[in-house]
Amino acid sequence: MNTKMKMGLLALTTSIMVGCASTAPNPAVVERIDQLSQVCPGCAQSLQFIGEQEEKHCGIPFEVERIEVIAKTSEFYAFSLALRSILPQEKYETVLTVAAEEVDCDQIKWIANTKNHLQEIFVAK
């Protein structure tokens, strides 16, 4: 096996390992979300969901500081809280499932895609 092939194989193996690696939740984030859930469980659920989706799909690290940024600036956070306030819990779980399928790093597009998908589901019933 020549050097070029070995390097290619090494690069492929490394990328597979990185892609399959699971990141453990940041203990400080877990603690902060737990604290928030004592005051506002819905807020904590939405903040955690958005933070995890942004980290997974947009490469934005979900750290304690990010929780405040999401709460203060995220259009999707406002959208999710509005839906949580008017829907029963089981339908809100559907919202989160759909939102996870429709993630877009542009939050306005994320809202629009989620809204369109939800309309298909809820109007079809």
C-alpha atoms as a PDB file:
ATOM      1  CA  MET A   1       0.000   0.000   0.000  1.00  0.00           C
ATOM      2  CA  ASN A   2       1.553   3.290  -1.046  1.00  0.00           C
ATOM      3  CA  THR A   3       1.807   6.372   1.173  1.00  0.00           C
ATOM      4  CA  LYS A   4      -0.971   8.216  -0.664  1.00  0.00           C
ATOM      5  CA  MET A   5      -3.399   5.328  -0.073  1.00  0.00           C
ATOM      6  CA  LYS A   6      -2.394   5.084   3.593  1.00  0.00           C
ATOM      7  CA  MET A   7      -3.002   8.812   4.080  1.00  0.00           C
ATOM      8  CA  GLY A   8      -6.377   8.565   2.365  1.00  0.00           C
ATOM      9  CA  LEU A   9      -7.365   5.604   4.523  1.00  0.00           C
ATOM     10  CA  LEU A  10      -6.228   7.440   7.652  1.00  0.00           C
ATOM     11  CA  ALA A  11      -8.236  10.539   6.675  1.00  0.00           C
ATOM     12  CA  LEU A  12     -11.326   8.427   5.962  1.00  0.00           C
ATOM     13  CA  THR A  13     -11.034   6.562   9.268  1.00  0.00           C
ATOM     14  CA  THR A  14     -10.566   9.808  11.192  1.00  0.00           C
ATOM     15  CA  SER A  15     -13.580  11.461   9.564  1.00  0.00           C
ATOM     16  CA  ILE A  16     -15.755   8.429  10.304  1.00  0.00           C
ATOM     17  CA  MET A  17     -14.640   8.434  13.947  1.00  0.00           C
ATOM     18  CA  VAL A  18     -15.318  12.159  14.310  1.00  0.00           C
ATOM     19  CA  GLY A  19     -18.702  11.843  12.607  1.00  0.00           C
ATOM     20  CA  CYS A  20     -19.749   8.983  14.855  1.00  0.00           C
ATOM     21  CA  ALA A  21     -18.453  10.462  18.087  1.00  0.00           C
ATOM     22  CA  SER A  22     -21.134  11.496  20.503  1.00  0.00           C
ATOM     23  CA  THR A  23     -20.568  14.570  22.550  1.00  0.00           C
ATOM     24  CA  ALA A  24     -21.482  14.371  26.186  1.00  0.00           C
ATOM     25  CA  PRO A  25     -23.707  17.176  27.432  1.00  0.00           C
ATOM     26  CA  ASN A  26     -21.872  20.073  29.023  1.00  0.00           C
ATOM     27  CA  PRO A  27     -22.426  19.660  32.802  1.00  0.00           C
ATOM     28  CA  ALA A  28     -22.766  23.437  33.267  1.00  0.00           C
ATOM     29  CA  VAL A  29     -25.482  23.540  30.586  1.00  0.00           C
ATOM     30  CA  VAL A  30     -27.308  20.605  32.184  1.00  0.00           C
ATOM     31  CA  GLU A  31     -27.174  22.340  35.569  1.00  0.00           C
ATOM     32  CA  ARG A  32     -28.461  25.641  34.142  1.00  0.00           C
ATOM     33  CA  ILE A  33     -31.287  23.940  32.226  1.00  0.00           C
ATOM     34  CA  ASP A  34     -32.251  22.084  35.424  1.00  0.00           C
ATOM     35  CA  GLN A  35     -32.346  25.390  37.314  1.00  0.00           C
ATOM     36  CA  LEU A  36     -34.490  26.989  34.612  1.00  0.00           C
ATOM     37  CA  SER A  37     -36.862  24.031  34.555  1.00  0.00           C
ATOM     38  CA  GLN A  38     -37.663  24.683  38.227  1.00  0.00           C
ATOM     39  CA  VAL A  39     -38.961  28.131  37.267  1.00  0.00           C
ATOM     40  CA  CYS A  40     -40.258  27.568  33.737  1.00  0.00           C
ATOM     41  CA  PRO A  41     -40.226  23.988  32.453  1.00  0.00           C
ATOM     42  CA  GLY A  42     -41.403  25.005  28.989  1.00  0.00           C
ATOM     43  CA  CYS A  43     -38.703  27.643  28.687  1.00  0.00           C
ATOM     44  CA  ALA A  44     -36.042  25.144  29.692  1.00  0.00           C
ATOM     45  CA  GLN A  45     -37.352  22.548  27.232  1.00  0.00           C
ATOM     46  CA  SER A  46     -37.354  25.036  24.349  1.00  0.00           C
ATOM     47  CA  LEU A  47     -33.936  26.461  25.210  1.00  0.00           C
ATOM     48  CA  GLN A  48     -32.412  23.007  25.424  1.00  0.00           C
ATOM     49  CA  PHE A  49     -34.043  21.897  22.171  1.00  0.00           C
ATOM     50  CA  ILE A  50     -32.861  24.953  20.246  1.00  0.00           C
ATOM     51  CA  GLY A  51     -29.357  24.811  21.715  1.00  0.00           C
ATOM     52  CA  GLU A  52     -28.988  21.141  20.816  1.00  0.00           C
ATOM     53  CA  GLN A  53     -30.313  21.648  17.286  1.00  0.00           C
ATOM     54  CA  GLU A  54     -28.040  24.637  16.667  1.00  0.00           C
ATOM     55  CA  GLU A  55     -25.048  22.690  17.903  1.00  0.00           C
ATOM     56  CA  LYS A  56     -25.896  19.640  15.796  1.00  0.00           C
ATOM     57  CA  HIS A  57     -26.847  21.407  12.563  1.00  0.00           C
ATOM     58  CA  CYS A  58     -25.203  24.836  12.683  1.00  0.00           C
ATOM     59  CA  GLY A  59     -21.996  24.158  14.584  1.00  0.00           C
ATOM     60  CA  ILE A  60     -22.845  26.637  17.341  1.00  0.00           C
ATOM     61  CA  PRO A  61     -21.496  25.272  20.642  1.00  0.00           C
ATOM     62  CA  PHE A  62     -24.244  24.847  23.229  1.00  0.00           C
ATOM     63  CA  GLU A  63     -22.661  26.438  26.263  1.00  0.00           C
ATOM     64  CA  VAL A  64     -24.155  28.238  29.254  1.00  0.00           C
ATOM     65  CA  GLU A  65     -23.645  31.636  27.619  1.00  0.00           C
ATOM     66  CA  ARG A  66     -25.620  30.454  24.586  1.00  0.00           C
ATOM     67  CA  ILE A  67     -28.716  29.828  26.722  1.00  0.00           C
ATOM     68  CA  GLU A  68     -29.062  33.557  27.434  1.00  0.00           C
ATOM     69  CA  VAL A  69     -28.394  34.476  23.798  1.00  0.00           C
ATOM     70  CA  ILE A  70     -31.133  32.090  22.651  1.00  0.00           C
ATOM     71  CA  ALA A  71     -33.570  33.431  25.247  1.00  0.00           C
ATOM     72  CA  LYS A  72     -32.916  37.054  24.257  1.00  0.00           C
ATOM     73  CA  THR A  73     -32.499  36.851  20.497  1.00  0.00           C
ATOM     74  CA  SER A  74     -33.906  33.639  19.031  1.00  0.00           C
ATOM     75  CA  GLU A  75     -36.950  34.058  16.823  1.00  0.00           C
ATOM     76  CA  PHE A  76     -37.451  30.303  16.997  1.00  0.00           C
ATOM     77  CA  TYR A  77     -37.508  30.468  20.805  1.00  0.00           C
ATOM     78  CA  ALA A  78     -40.366  32.999  20.699  1.00  0.00           C
ATOM     79  CA  PHE A  79     -42.165  30.853  18.104  1.00  0.00           C
ATOM     80  CA  SER A  80     -41.759  27.688  20.167  1.00  0.00           C
ATOM     81  CA  LEU A  81     -42.953  29.343  23.386  1.00  0.00           C
ATOM     82  CA  ALA A  82     -46.014  30.733  21.628  1.00  0.00           C
ATOM     83  CA  LEU A  83     -46.919  27.265  20.354  1.00  0.00           C
ATOM     84  CA  ARG A  84     -46.196  25.690  23.733  1.00  0.00           C
ATOM     85  CA  SER A  85     -48.564  28.133  25.414  1.00  0.00           C
ATOM     86  CA  ILE A  86     -51.525  27.220  23.181  1.00  0.00           C
ATOM     87  CA  LEU A  87     -51.018  23.520  22.466  1.00  0.00           C
ATOM     88  CA  PRO A  88     -51.477  20.505  24.697  1.00  0.00           C
ATOM     89  CA  GLN A  89     -48.191  18.765  25.566  1.00  0.00           C
ATOM     90  CA  GLU A  90     -48.677  15.884  23.098  1.00  0.00           C
ATOM     91  CA  LYS A  91     -49.148  18.297  20.184  1.00  0.00           C
ATOM     92  CA  TYR A  92     -46.173  20.338  21.335  1.00  0.00           C
ATOM     93  CA  GLU A  93     -44.089  17.158  21.197  1.00  0.00           C
ATOM     94  CA  THR A  94     -45.174  16.921  17.537  1.00  0.00           C
ATOM     95  CA  VAL A  95     -43.948  20.498  17.065  1.00  0.00           C
ATOM     96  CA  LEU A  96     -40.513  19.537  18.395  1.00  0.00           C
ATOM     97  CA  THR A  97     -40.356  16.441  16.199  1.00  0.00           C
ATOM     98  CA  VAL A  98     -41.239  18.457  13.106  1.00  0.00           C
ATOM     99  CA  ALA A  99     -38.889  21.282  14.075  1.00  0.00           C
ATOM    100  CA  ALA A 100     -36.029  18.790  14.427  1.00  0.00           C
ATOM    101  CA  GLU A 101     -36.721  17.610  10.873  1.00  0.00           C
ATOM    102  CA  GLU A 102     -36.899  21.170   9.518  1.00  0.00           C
ATOM    103  CA  VAL A 103     -33.854  22.769  11.177  1.00  0.00           C
ATOM    104  CA  ASP A 104     -32.375  25.650   9.231  1.00  0.00           C
ATOM    105  CA  CYS A 105     -29.610  27.845  10.616  1.00  0.00           C
ATOM    106  CA  ASP A 106     -31.595  30.822   9.325  1.00  0.00           C
ATOM    107  CA  GLN A 107     -34.236  30.987  12.062  1.00  0.00           C
ATOM    108  CA  ILE A 108     -36.838  32.714   9.899  1.00  0.00           C
ATOM    109  CA  LYS A 109     -36.567  29.846   7.392  1.00  0.00           C
ATOM    110  CA  TRP A 110     -36.646  27.331  10.270  1.00  0.00           C
ATOM    111  CA  ILE A 111     -39.917  28.843  11.497  1.00  0.00           C
ATOM    112  CA  ALA A 112     -41.423  28.949   7.987  1.00  0.00           C
ATOM    113  CA  ASN A 113     -40.438  25.358   7.212  1.00  0.00           C
ATOM    114  CA  THR A 114     -41.734  24.125  10.563  1.00  0.00           C
ATOM    115  CA  LYS A 115     -44.965  26.079  10.192  1.00  0.00           C
ATOM    116  CA  ASN A 116     -45.582  24.704   6.675  1.00  0.00           C
ATOM    117  CA  HIS A 117     -44.926  21.139   7.799  1.00  0.00           C
ATOM    118  CA  LEU A 118     -47.166  21.537  10.861  1.00  0.00           C
ATOM    119  CA  GLN A 119     -49.985  22.908   8.705  1.00  0.00           C
ATOM    120  CA  GLU A 120     -49.733  19.817   6.511  1.00  0.00           C
ATOM    121  CA  ILE A 121     -49.983  17.573   9.574  1.00  0.00           C
ATOM    122  CA  PHE A 122     -52.682  19.410  11.535  1.00  0.00           C
ATOM    123  CA  VAL A 123     -54.856  20.408   8.568  1.00  0.00           C
ATOM    124  CA  ALA A 124     -54.696  16.868   7.171  1.00  0.00           C
ATOM    125  CA  LYS A 125     -56.210  15.459  10.379  1.00  0.00           C
END
